[in-house]
Amino acid sequence: MPCCWDALSARLIERAGFALTFMSGFAVSAARLGAPDTQLISYGEMVDQGRNLCEAVSLPVIGDADTGYGNALNVKRTVSGYASAGFACAMIEDQVAPKRCGHTRGKAVVPRGEAVARIRAAVDAREEGRDILIMARTDARASHGLDEALDRGRAFRDAGADIVFIEAPQSRDELEQVGRALEGTPLMANLVEGGDTPLLPHGDLETLGFKIAAYPLTLIEVATRAIEDALAKMADGQHPAEDERVSFERLREIVGFPAYYAAEKRYAADD
């Protein structure tokens, strides 16, 4: 599951044939604010970004909902808002606010009871008629160890979470433990290049019990590198080569000019 940050990146993922995508909080914060993933971006900004993104594609989109932006009642509002924006699933985590990117240092989590209450509130929003799944994430591995993370994962599952996400296991053995402890529960692995979790082949992750392999930063890292390289050439008086760019024609097609022109022609006045 390559992760996106705007409508264009989501559309490119869909065009490449992937089954789903995830709107990465790190990537949205970087692209929209030019700021680090430390919950500087607000609920309203994330919902606005997600609404535009979900409208641009037909594949399911998982939305990073951070800590739910407050107490349990805020969590319910967040899940309802994400459902209205078009997300197929909302991810709620157990970090204290302001949260941090899952593969950075200095993270802290709320007590287990408070964490479970967040998931119960999210599940209640779903049960009250919102057409959305709930992914429950714990970052307890970093601060409390794997056993506490697994206990939280089981508690989230028992509270009604549809998908469980144990953030940042640090070895293949730990990934195996996650799969065994939560056997039968849909699981996600988060694969950050240079992060804490080993980048196992997809087949190995599936064997261990994982249903989703998320790549939250791969595309924005590739895009950033390409932009930096193009800017360096332009600053040196050169121009990016043809094979380093999509053509103007292809770009117009990707963003929908042919469909727009067809619709414009259909509704043109007859006089």
C-alpha atoms as a PDB file:
ATOM      1  CA  MET A   1       0.000   0.000   0.000  1.00  0.00           C
ATOM      2  CA  PRO A   2       1.880   3.088  -1.197  1.00  0.00           C
ATOM      3  CA  CYS A   3       0.761   6.117   0.809  1.00  0.00           C
ATOM      4  CA  CYS A   4      -0.404   9.434  -0.615  1.00  0.00           C
ATOM      5  CA  TRP A   5      -0.689  13.039   0.496  1.00  0.00           C
ATOM      6  CA  ASP A   6      -2.906  14.771  -2.078  1.00  0.00           C
ATOM      7  CA  ALA A   7      -5.350  14.067  -4.884  1.00  0.00           C
ATOM      8  CA  LEU A   8      -2.655  13.744  -7.553  1.00  0.00           C
ATOM      9  CA  SER A   9      -0.539  11.234  -5.633  1.00  0.00           C
ATOM     10  CA  ALA A  10      -3.670   9.215  -4.792  1.00  0.00           C
ATOM     11  CA  ARG A  11      -4.731   9.176  -8.442  1.00  0.00           C
ATOM     12  CA  LEU A  12      -1.302   7.993  -9.550  1.00  0.00           C
ATOM     13  CA  ILE A  13      -1.470   5.140  -7.017  1.00  0.00           C
ATOM     14  CA  GLU A  14      -4.882   4.141  -8.344  1.00  0.00           C
ATOM     15  CA  ARG A  15      -3.707   4.321 -11.973  1.00  0.00           C
ATOM     16  CA  ALA A  16      -0.780   2.032 -11.082  1.00  0.00           C
ATOM     17  CA  GLY A  17      -3.278  -0.644 -10.048  1.00  0.00           C
ATOM     18  CA  PHE A  18      -2.915  -0.709  -6.271  1.00  0.00           C
ATOM     19  CA  ALA A  19      -5.918  -1.912  -4.285  1.00  0.00           C
ATOM     20  CA  LEU A  20      -5.928   0.826  -1.649  1.00  0.00           C
ATOM     21  CA  THR A  21      -3.970   3.772  -0.283  1.00  0.00           C
ATOM     22  CA  PHE A  22      -3.406   5.626   2.967  1.00  0.00           C
ATOM     23  CA  MET A  23      -3.318   9.383   3.481  1.00  0.00           C
ATOM     24  CA  SER A  24      -0.101   9.766   5.470  1.00  0.00           C
ATOM     25  CA  GLY A  25      -0.134  12.376   8.223  1.00  0.00           C
ATOM     26  CA  PHE A  26       3.636  12.815   7.884  1.00  0.00           C
ATOM     27  CA  ALA A  27       3.336  13.409   4.139  1.00  0.00           C
ATOM     28  CA  VAL A  28       0.324  15.738   4.404  1.00  0.00           C
ATOM     29  CA  SER A  29       2.008  17.804   7.110  1.00  0.00           C
ATOM     30  CA  ALA A  30       5.148  18.027   4.975  1.00  0.00           C
ATOM     31  CA  ALA A  31       3.339  18.889   1.737  1.00  0.00           C
ATOM     32  CA  ARG A  32       0.607  21.166   3.078  1.00  0.00           C
ATOM     33  CA  LEU A  33       2.470  22.944   5.883  1.00  0.00           C
ATOM     34  CA  GLY A  34       6.131  22.217   5.245  1.00  0.00           C
ATOM     35  CA  ALA A  35       6.131  21.177   8.899  1.00  0.00           C
ATOM     36  CA  PRO A  36       7.131  18.048  10.845  1.00  0.00           C
ATOM     37  CA  ASP A  37       4.672  15.318  11.808  1.00  0.00           C
ATOM     38  CA  THR A  38       4.200  16.495  15.398  1.00  0.00           C
ATOM     39  CA  GLN A  39       0.429  17.176  15.231  1.00  0.00           C
ATOM     40  CA  LEU A  40       0.924  20.743  14.067  1.00  0.00           C
ATOM     41  CA  ILE A  41      -1.638  20.049  11.384  1.00  0.00           C
ATOM     42  CA  SER A  42      -5.239  20.245  12.582  1.00  0.00           C
ATOM     43  CA  TYR A  43      -8.298  18.016  12.279  1.00  0.00           C
ATOM     44  CA  GLY A  44      -9.926  20.540   9.929  1.00  0.00           C
ATOM     45  CA  GLU A  45      -6.923  20.634   7.608  1.00  0.00           C
ATOM     46  CA  MET A  46      -6.706  16.836   7.502  1.00  0.00           C
ATOM     47  CA  VAL A  47     -10.414  16.434   6.727  1.00  0.00           C
ATOM     48  CA  ASP A  48     -10.189  19.076   4.007  1.00  0.00           C
ATOM     49  CA  GLN A  49      -7.193  17.347   2.447  1.00  0.00           C
ATOM     50  CA  GLY A  50      -8.914  13.985   2.703  1.00  0.00           C
ATOM     51  CA  ARG A  51     -12.152  15.167   1.124  1.00  0.00           C
ATOM     52  CA  ASN A  52     -10.341  16.390  -1.995  1.00  0.00           C
ATOM     53  CA  LEU A  53      -8.243  13.244  -2.115  1.00  0.00           C
ATOM     54  CA  CYS A  54     -11.125  10.791  -1.686  1.00  0.00           C
ATOM     55  CA  GLU A  55     -13.180  12.562  -4.354  1.00  0.00           C
ATOM     56  CA  ALA A  56     -10.346  12.124  -6.857  1.00  0.00           C
ATOM     57  CA  VAL A  57     -10.207   8.310  -6.682  1.00  0.00           C
ATOM     58  CA  SER A  58     -12.482   5.286  -6.414  1.00  0.00           C
ATOM     59  CA  LEU A  59     -10.141   3.000  -4.466  1.00  0.00           C
ATOM     60  CA  PRO A  60     -10.470   2.761  -0.648  1.00  0.00           C
ATOM     61  CA  VAL A  61      -8.487   5.357   1.296  1.00  0.00           C
ATOM     62  CA  ILE A  62      -7.374   4.945   4.919  1.00  0.00           C
ATOM     63  CA  GLY A  63      -7.057   8.232   6.779  1.00  0.00           C
ATOM     64  CA  ASP A  64      -4.485   9.022   9.455  1.00  0.00           C
ATOM     65  CA  ALA A  65      -6.618  10.444  12.280  1.00  0.00           C
ATOM     66  CA  ASP A  66      -3.766  10.767  14.802  1.00  0.00           C
ATOM     67  CA  THR A  67      -5.027  10.660  18.399  1.00  0.00           C
ATOM     68  CA  GLY A  68      -8.556  11.672  17.424  1.00  0.00           C
ATOM     69  CA  TYR A  69      -7.706  15.308  18.225  1.00  0.00           C
ATOM     70  CA  GLY A  70      -8.870  15.298  21.835  1.00  0.00           C
ATOM     71  CA  ASN A  71     -10.882  13.159  24.232  1.00  0.00           C
ATOM     72  CA  ALA A  72     -13.225  10.282  23.401  1.00  0.00           C
ATOM     73  CA  LEU A  73     -15.958  12.633  22.182  1.00  0.00           C
ATOM     74  CA  ASN A  74     -13.452  14.315  19.860  1.00  0.00           C
ATOM     75  CA  VAL A  75     -12.570  10.854  18.575  1.00  0.00           C
ATOM     76  CA  LYS A  76     -16.225  10.218  17.710  1.00  0.00           C
ATOM     77  CA  ARG A  77     -16.432  13.533  15.862  1.00  0.00           C
ATOM     78  CA  THR A  78     -13.177  12.804  14.046  1.00  0.00           C
ATOM     79  CA  VAL A  79     -14.362   9.394  12.854  1.00  0.00           C
ATOM     80  CA  SER A  80     -17.698  10.844  11.738  1.00  0.00           C
ATOM     81  CA  GLY A  81     -15.907  13.624   9.871  1.00  0.00           C
ATOM     82  CA  TYR A  82     -13.561  11.198   8.163  1.00  0.00           C
ATOM     83  CA  ALA A  83     -16.504   9.048   7.094  1.00  0.00           C
ATOM     84  CA  SER A  84     -18.276  12.092   5.641  1.00  0.00           C
ATOM     85  CA  ALA A  85     -15.089  13.027   3.768  1.00  0.00           C
ATOM     86  CA  GLY A  86     -15.113   9.654   2.031  1.00  0.00           C
ATOM     87  CA  PHE A  87     -12.473   7.675   3.909  1.00  0.00           C
ATOM     88  CA  ALA A  88     -12.953   3.906   4.025  1.00  0.00           C
ATOM     89  CA  CYS A  89     -11.083   3.611   7.324  1.00  0.00           C
ATOM     90  CA  ALA A  90      -9.782   5.911  10.078  1.00  0.00           C
ATOM     91  CA  MET A  91      -6.660   5.153  12.082  1.00  0.00           C
ATOM     92  CA  ILE A  92      -6.722   6.158  15.779  1.00  0.00           C
ATOM     93  CA  GLU A  93      -3.582   5.874  17.911  1.00  0.00           C
ATOM     94  CA  ASP A  94      -2.669   5.883  21.587  1.00  0.00           C
ATOM     95  CA  GLN A  95       0.088   8.495  21.734  1.00  0.00           C
ATOM     96  CA  VAL A  96      -0.150  11.531  23.974  1.00  0.00           C
ATOM     97  CA  ALA A  97      -0.804  14.802  22.198  1.00  0.00           C
ATOM     98  CA  PRO A  98       1.043  16.227  20.398  1.00  0.00           C
ATOM     99  CA  LYS A  99       1.921  12.917  18.794  1.00  0.00           C
ATOM    100  CA  ARG A 100       5.076  12.137  16.802  1.00  0.00           C
ATOM    101  CA  CYS A 101       5.873  10.170  13.683  1.00  0.00           C
ATOM    102  CA  GLY A 102       5.927   6.469  14.554  1.00  0.00           C
ATOM    103  CA  HIS A 103       9.595   5.912  13.715  1.00  0.00           C
ATOM    104  CA  THR A 104      11.010   8.911  15.580  1.00  0.00           C
ATOM    105  CA  ARG A 105      12.215   9.222  19.172  1.00  0.00           C
ATOM    106  CA  GLY A 106      10.576  10.775  22.220  1.00  0.00           C
ATOM    107  CA  LYS A 107       7.164   9.137  21.831  1.00  0.00           C
ATOM    108  CA  ALA A 108       4.847   8.599  24.799  1.00  0.00           C
ATOM    109  CA  VAL A 109       1.486   6.829  25.066  1.00  0.00           C
ATOM    110  CA  VAL A 110      -1.586   7.417  27.213  1.00  0.00           C
ATOM    111  CA  PRO A 111      -2.600   4.816  29.839  1.00  0.00           C
ATOM    112  CA  ARG A 112      -4.105   1.659  28.398  1.00  0.00           C
ATOM    113  CA  GLY A 113      -7.594   2.439  29.697  1.00  0.00           C
ATOM    114  CA  GLU A 114      -7.631   5.807  27.955  1.00  0.00           C
ATOM    115  CA  ALA A 115      -6.306   4.234  24.773  1.00  0.00           C
ATOM    116  CA  VAL A 116      -9.077   1.617  24.763  1.00  0.00           C
ATOM    117  CA  ALA A 117     -11.674   4.323  25.438  1.00  0.00           C
ATOM    118  CA  ARG A 118     -10.547   6.112  22.273  1.00  0.00           C
ATOM    119  CA  ILE A 119     -11.121   2.941  20.260  1.00  0.00           C
ATOM    120  CA  ARG A 120     -14.497   2.309  21.894  1.00  0.00           C
ATOM    121  CA  ALA A 121     -15.552   5.841  20.922  1.00  0.00           C
ATOM    122  CA  ALA A 122     -14.356   5.291  17.357  1.00  0.00           C
ATOM    123  CA  VAL A 123     -16.236   1.990  17.174  1.00  0.00           C
ATOM    124  CA  ASP A 124     -19.356   3.659  18.579  1.00  0.00           C
ATOM    125  CA  ALA A 125     -19.214   6.207  15.754  1.00  0.00           C
ATOM    126  CA  ARG A 126     -19.056   3.324  13.292  1.00  0.00           C
ATOM    127  CA  GLU A 127     -21.880   1.459  15.000  1.00  0.00           C
ATOM    128  CA  GLU A 128     -24.082   4.549  15.000  1.00  0.00           C
ATOM    129  CA  GLY A 129     -24.270   4.359  11.229  1.00  0.00           C
ATOM    130  CA  ARG A 130     -20.989   5.693   9.873  1.00  0.00           C
ATOM    131  CA  ASP A 131     -19.784   3.687   6.883  1.00  0.00           C
ATOM    132  CA  ILE A 132     -16.152   3.399   7.924  1.00  0.00           C
ATOM    133  CA  LEU A 133     -13.688   0.883   9.384  1.00  0.00           C
ATOM    134  CA  ILE A 134     -11.540   1.505  12.458  1.00  0.00           C
ATOM    135  CA  MET A 135      -7.820   0.855  12.544  1.00  0.00           C
ATOM    136  CA  ALA A 136      -6.379   0.894  16.072  1.00  0.00           C
ATOM    137  CA  ARG A 137      -2.697   1.762  16.407  1.00  0.00           C
ATOM    138  CA  THR A 138      -0.406   1.478  19.399  1.00  0.00           C
ATOM    139  CA  ASP A 139       3.036   3.041  19.761  1.00  0.00           C
ATOM    140  CA  ALA A 140       3.667   1.322  23.105  1.00  0.00           C
ATOM    141  CA  ARG A 141       6.522  -0.790  21.697  1.00  0.00           C
ATOM    142  CA  ALA A 142       8.869   2.191  21.893  1.00  0.00           C
ATOM    143  CA  SER A 143       8.101   3.209  25.474  1.00  0.00           C
ATOM    144  CA  HIS A 144       6.699   0.112  27.231  1.00  0.00           C
ATOM    145  CA  GLY A 145       8.019  -2.851  25.244  1.00  0.00           C
ATOM    146  CA  LEU A 146       6.459  -5.369  22.895  1.00  0.00           C
ATOM    147  CA  ASP A 147       4.405  -7.231  25.505  1.00  0.00           C
ATOM    148  CA  GLU A 148       2.458  -4.089  26.426  1.00  0.00           C
ATOM    149  CA  ALA A 149       1.990  -3.285  22.747  1.00  0.00           C
ATOM    150  CA  LEU A 150       0.553  -6.761  22.163  1.00  0.00           C
ATOM    151  CA  ASP A 151      -1.749  -6.470  25.185  1.00  0.00           C
ATOM    152  CA  ARG A 152      -3.035  -3.167  23.803  1.00  0.00           C
ATOM    153  CA  GLY A 153      -3.521  -4.696  20.378  1.00  0.00           C
ATOM    154  CA  ARG A 154      -5.652  -7.478  21.862  1.00  0.00           C
ATOM    155  CA  ALA A 155      -7.635  -4.958  23.906  1.00  0.00           C
ATOM    156  CA  PHE A 156      -8.257  -2.854  20.777  1.00  0.00           C
ATOM    157  CA  ARG A 157      -9.438  -5.942  18.893  1.00  0.00           C
ATOM    158  CA  ASP A 158     -11.770  -6.857  21.753  1.00  0.00           C
ATOM    159  CA  ALA A 159     -13.126  -3.281  21.771  1.00  0.00           C
ATOM    160  CA  GLY A 160     -14.237  -3.751  18.160  1.00  0.00           C
ATOM    161  CA  ALA A 161     -11.360  -2.448  16.015  1.00  0.00           C
ATOM    162  CA  ASP A 162     -11.440  -3.831  12.474  1.00  0.00           C
ATOM    163  CA  ILE A 163      -7.667  -3.638  11.892  1.00  0.00           C
ATOM    164  CA  VAL A 164      -4.826  -3.569  14.435  1.00  0.00           C
ATOM    165  CA  PHE A 165      -1.513  -1.812  13.869  1.00  0.00           C
ATOM    166  CA  ILE A 166       1.410  -2.441  16.225  1.00  0.00           C
ATOM    167  CA  GLU A 167       3.803   0.358  15.285  1.00  0.00           C
ATOM    168  CA  ALA A 168       7.540  -0.195  14.835  1.00  0.00           C
ATOM    169  CA  PRO A 169       8.381  -3.820  15.698  1.00  0.00           C
ATOM    170  CA  GLN A 170      12.154  -3.942  15.598  1.00  0.00           C
ATOM    171  CA  SER A 171      12.936  -7.348  14.092  1.00  0.00           C
ATOM    172  CA  ARG A 172      11.506 -10.243  12.130  1.00  0.00           C
ATOM    173  CA  ASP A 173      11.076 -12.094  15.419  1.00  0.00           C
ATOM    174  CA  GLU A 174       8.952  -9.259  16.781  1.00  0.00           C
ATOM    175  CA  LEU A 175       6.833  -9.249  13.620  1.00  0.00           C
ATOM    176  CA  GLU A 176       6.325 -12.986  14.108  1.00  0.00           C
ATOM    177  CA  GLN A 177       5.234 -12.377  17.706  1.00  0.00           C
ATOM    178  CA  VAL A 178       2.707  -9.792  16.531  1.00  0.00           C
ATOM    179  CA  GLY A 179       1.267 -12.239  14.016  1.00  0.00           C
ATOM    180  CA  ARG A 180       0.980 -15.026  16.589  1.00  0.00           C
ATOM    181  CA  ALA A 181      -0.499 -12.852  19.346  1.00  0.00           C
ATOM    182  CA  LEU A 182      -3.168 -11.424  17.047  1.00  0.00           C
ATOM    183  CA  GLU A 183      -3.776 -14.394  14.782  1.00  0.00           C
ATOM    184  CA  GLY A 184      -6.978 -13.985  12.809  1.00  0.00           C
ATOM    185  CA  THR A 185      -7.022 -10.203  13.220  1.00  0.00           C
ATOM    186  CA  PRO A 186      -6.311  -8.071  10.127  1.00  0.00           C
ATOM    187  CA  LEU A 187      -2.888  -6.520  10.732  1.00  0.00           C
ATOM    188  CA  MET A 188      -0.867  -3.740   9.104  1.00  0.00           C
ATOM    189  CA  ALA A 189       2.916  -3.410   8.965  1.00  0.00           C
ATOM    190  CA  ASN A 190       4.444   0.042   8.491  1.00  0.00           C
ATOM    191  CA  LEU A 191       7.571  -0.060   6.328  1.00  0.00           C
ATOM    192  CA  VAL A 192       9.668   3.087   6.570  1.00  0.00           C
ATOM    193  CA  GLU A 193      12.971   3.110   4.715  1.00  0.00           C
ATOM    194  CA  GLY A 194      15.563   3.823   7.422  1.00  0.00           C
ATOM    195  CA  GLY A 195      12.981   3.131  10.151  1.00  0.00           C
ATOM    196  CA  ASP A 196      12.830   0.575  12.956  1.00  0.00           C
ATOM    197  CA  THR A 197      10.940  -2.230  11.205  1.00  0.00           C
ATOM    198  CA  PRO A 198      12.788  -4.522   8.759  1.00  0.00           C
ATOM    199  CA  LEU A 199      11.611  -4.280   5.153  1.00  0.00           C
ATOM    200  CA  LEU A 200      10.564  -7.891   4.711  1.00  0.00           C
ATOM    201  CA  PRO A 201       9.304  -9.198   1.355  1.00  0.00           C
ATOM    202  CA  HIS A 202       5.530  -9.073   0.941  1.00  0.00           C
ATOM    203  CA  GLY A 203       5.238 -12.851   0.880  1.00  0.00           C
ATOM    204  CA  ASP A 204       7.015 -13.130   4.219  1.00  0.00           C
ATOM    205  CA  LEU A 205       4.738 -10.536   5.804  1.00  0.00           C
ATOM    206  CA  GLU A 206       1.669 -12.351   4.494  1.00  0.00           C
ATOM    207  CA  THR A 207       2.952 -15.628   5.923  1.00  0.00           C
ATOM    208  CA  LEU A 208       3.428 -13.923   9.286  1.00  0.00           C
ATOM    209  CA  GLY A 209      -0.212 -12.820   9.263  1.00  0.00           C
ATOM    210  CA  PHE A 210      -0.127  -9.261   7.913  1.00  0.00           C
ATOM    211  CA  LYS A 211      -2.804  -8.112   5.457  1.00  0.00           C
ATOM    212  CA  ILE A 212      -1.438  -4.648   4.602  1.00  0.00           C
ATOM    213  CA  ALA A 213       2.131  -3.495   3.985  1.00  0.00           C
ATOM    214  CA  ALA A 214       2.158   0.307   4.162  1.00  0.00           C
ATOM    215  CA  TYR A 215       4.904   2.440   2.603  1.00  0.00           C
ATOM    216  CA  PRO A 216       4.151   5.841   4.156  1.00  0.00           C
ATOM    217  CA  LEU A 217       7.061   7.899   2.836  1.00  0.00           C
ATOM    218  CA  THR A 218       8.427   6.127  -0.239  1.00  0.00           C
ATOM    219  CA  LEU A 219       6.559   8.216  -2.810  1.00  0.00           C
ATOM    220  CA  ILE A 220       7.074  11.593  -1.165  1.00  0.00           C
ATOM    221  CA  GLU A 221      10.775  10.794  -0.759  1.00  0.00           C
ATOM    222  CA  VAL A 222      11.027   9.879  -4.459  1.00  0.00           C
ATOM    223  CA  ALA A 223       9.093  13.008  -5.462  1.00  0.00           C
ATOM    224  CA  THR A 224      11.229  15.250  -3.253  1.00  0.00           C
ATOM    225  CA  ARG A 225      14.425  13.821  -4.725  1.00  0.00           C
ATOM    226  CA  ALA A 226      13.144  14.331  -8.282  1.00  0.00           C
ATOM    227  CA  ILE A 227      12.160  17.948  -7.564  1.00  0.00           C
ATOM    228  CA  GLU A 228      15.522  18.686  -5.925  1.00  0.00           C
ATOM    229  CA  ASP A 229      17.365  17.205  -8.921  1.00  0.00           C
ATOM    230  CA  ALA A 230      15.278  19.236 -11.385  1.00  0.00           C
ATOM    231  CA  LEU A 231      15.805  22.440  -9.392  1.00  0.00           C
ATOM    232  CA  ALA A 232      19.556  21.859  -9.300  1.00  0.00           C
ATOM    233  CA  LYS A 233      19.610  21.572 -13.103  1.00  0.00           C
ATOM    234  CA  MET A 234      17.462  24.662 -13.567  1.00  0.00           C
ATOM    235  CA  ALA A 235      19.641  26.651 -11.164  1.00  0.00           C
ATOM    236  CA  ASP A 236      22.615  25.632 -13.317  1.00  0.00           C
ATOM    237  CA  GLY A 237      20.928  26.910 -16.480  1.00  0.00           C
ATOM    238  CA  GLN A 238      19.878  23.465 -17.718  1.00  0.00           C
ATOM    239  CA  HIS A 239      16.480  21.863 -18.184  1.00  0.00           C
ATOM    240  CA  PRO A 240      15.276  18.438 -16.996  1.00  0.00           C
ATOM    241  CA  ALA A 241      15.551  15.935 -19.819  1.00  0.00           C
ATOM    242  CA  GLU A 242      12.469  14.544 -21.527  1.00  0.00           C
ATOM    243  CA  ASP A 243      12.881  11.151 -19.841  1.00  0.00           C
ATOM    244  CA  GLU A 244      12.966  12.875 -16.443  1.00  0.00           C
ATOM    245  CA  ARG A 245       9.504  14.373 -16.878  1.00  0.00           C
ATOM    246  CA  VAL A 246       6.043  13.213 -17.804  1.00  0.00           C
ATOM    247  CA  SER A 247       4.930  14.798 -21.025  1.00  0.00           C
ATOM    248  CA  PHE A 248       2.537  17.745 -21.006  1.00  0.00           C
ATOM    249  CA  GLU A 249       0.052  15.536 -22.855  1.00  0.00           C
ATOM    250  CA  ARG A 250       0.263  12.794 -20.229  1.00  0.00           C
ATOM    251  CA  LEU A 251      -0.043  15.264 -17.379  1.00  0.00           C
ATOM    252  CA  ARG A 252      -3.192  16.700 -18.938  1.00  0.00           C
ATOM    253  CA  GLU A 253      -4.621  13.206 -19.238  1.00  0.00           C
ATOM    254  CA  ILE A 254      -3.766  12.309 -15.617  1.00  0.00           C
ATOM    255  CA  VAL A 255      -5.533  15.344 -14.175  1.00  0.00           C
ATOM    256  CA  GLY A 256      -8.587  14.812 -16.384  1.00  0.00           C
ATOM    257  CA  PHE A 257      -8.534  17.280 -19.272  1.00  0.00           C
ATOM    258  CA  PRO A 258      -9.905  14.769 -21.862  1.00  0.00           C
ATOM    259  CA  ALA A 259     -12.876  13.900 -19.623  1.00  0.00           C
ATOM    260  CA  TYR A 260     -13.471  17.584 -18.938  1.00  0.00           C
ATOM    261  CA  TYR A 261     -13.471  18.441 -22.640  1.00  0.00           C
ATOM    262  CA  ALA A 262     -15.888  15.575 -23.377  1.00  0.00           C
ATOM    263  CA  ALA A 263     -18.279  16.821 -20.692  1.00  0.00           C
ATOM    264  CA  GLU A 264     -17.914  20.396 -21.917  1.00  0.00           C
ATOM    265  CA  LYS A 265     -18.847  19.282 -25.417  1.00  0.00           C
ATOM    266  CA  ARG A 266     -21.851  17.329 -24.134  1.00  0.00           C
ATOM    267  CA  TYR A 267     -23.298  20.376 -22.399  1.00  0.00           C
ATOM    268  CA  ALA A 268     -22.430  22.952 -25.044  1.00  0.00           C
ATOM    269  CA  ALA A 269     -25.336  25.160 -26.124  1.00  0.00           C
ATOM    270  CA  ASP A 270     -26.900  24.232 -29.475  1.00  0.00           C
ATOM    271  CA  ASP A 271     -27.423  27.803 -30.739  1.00  0.00           C
END
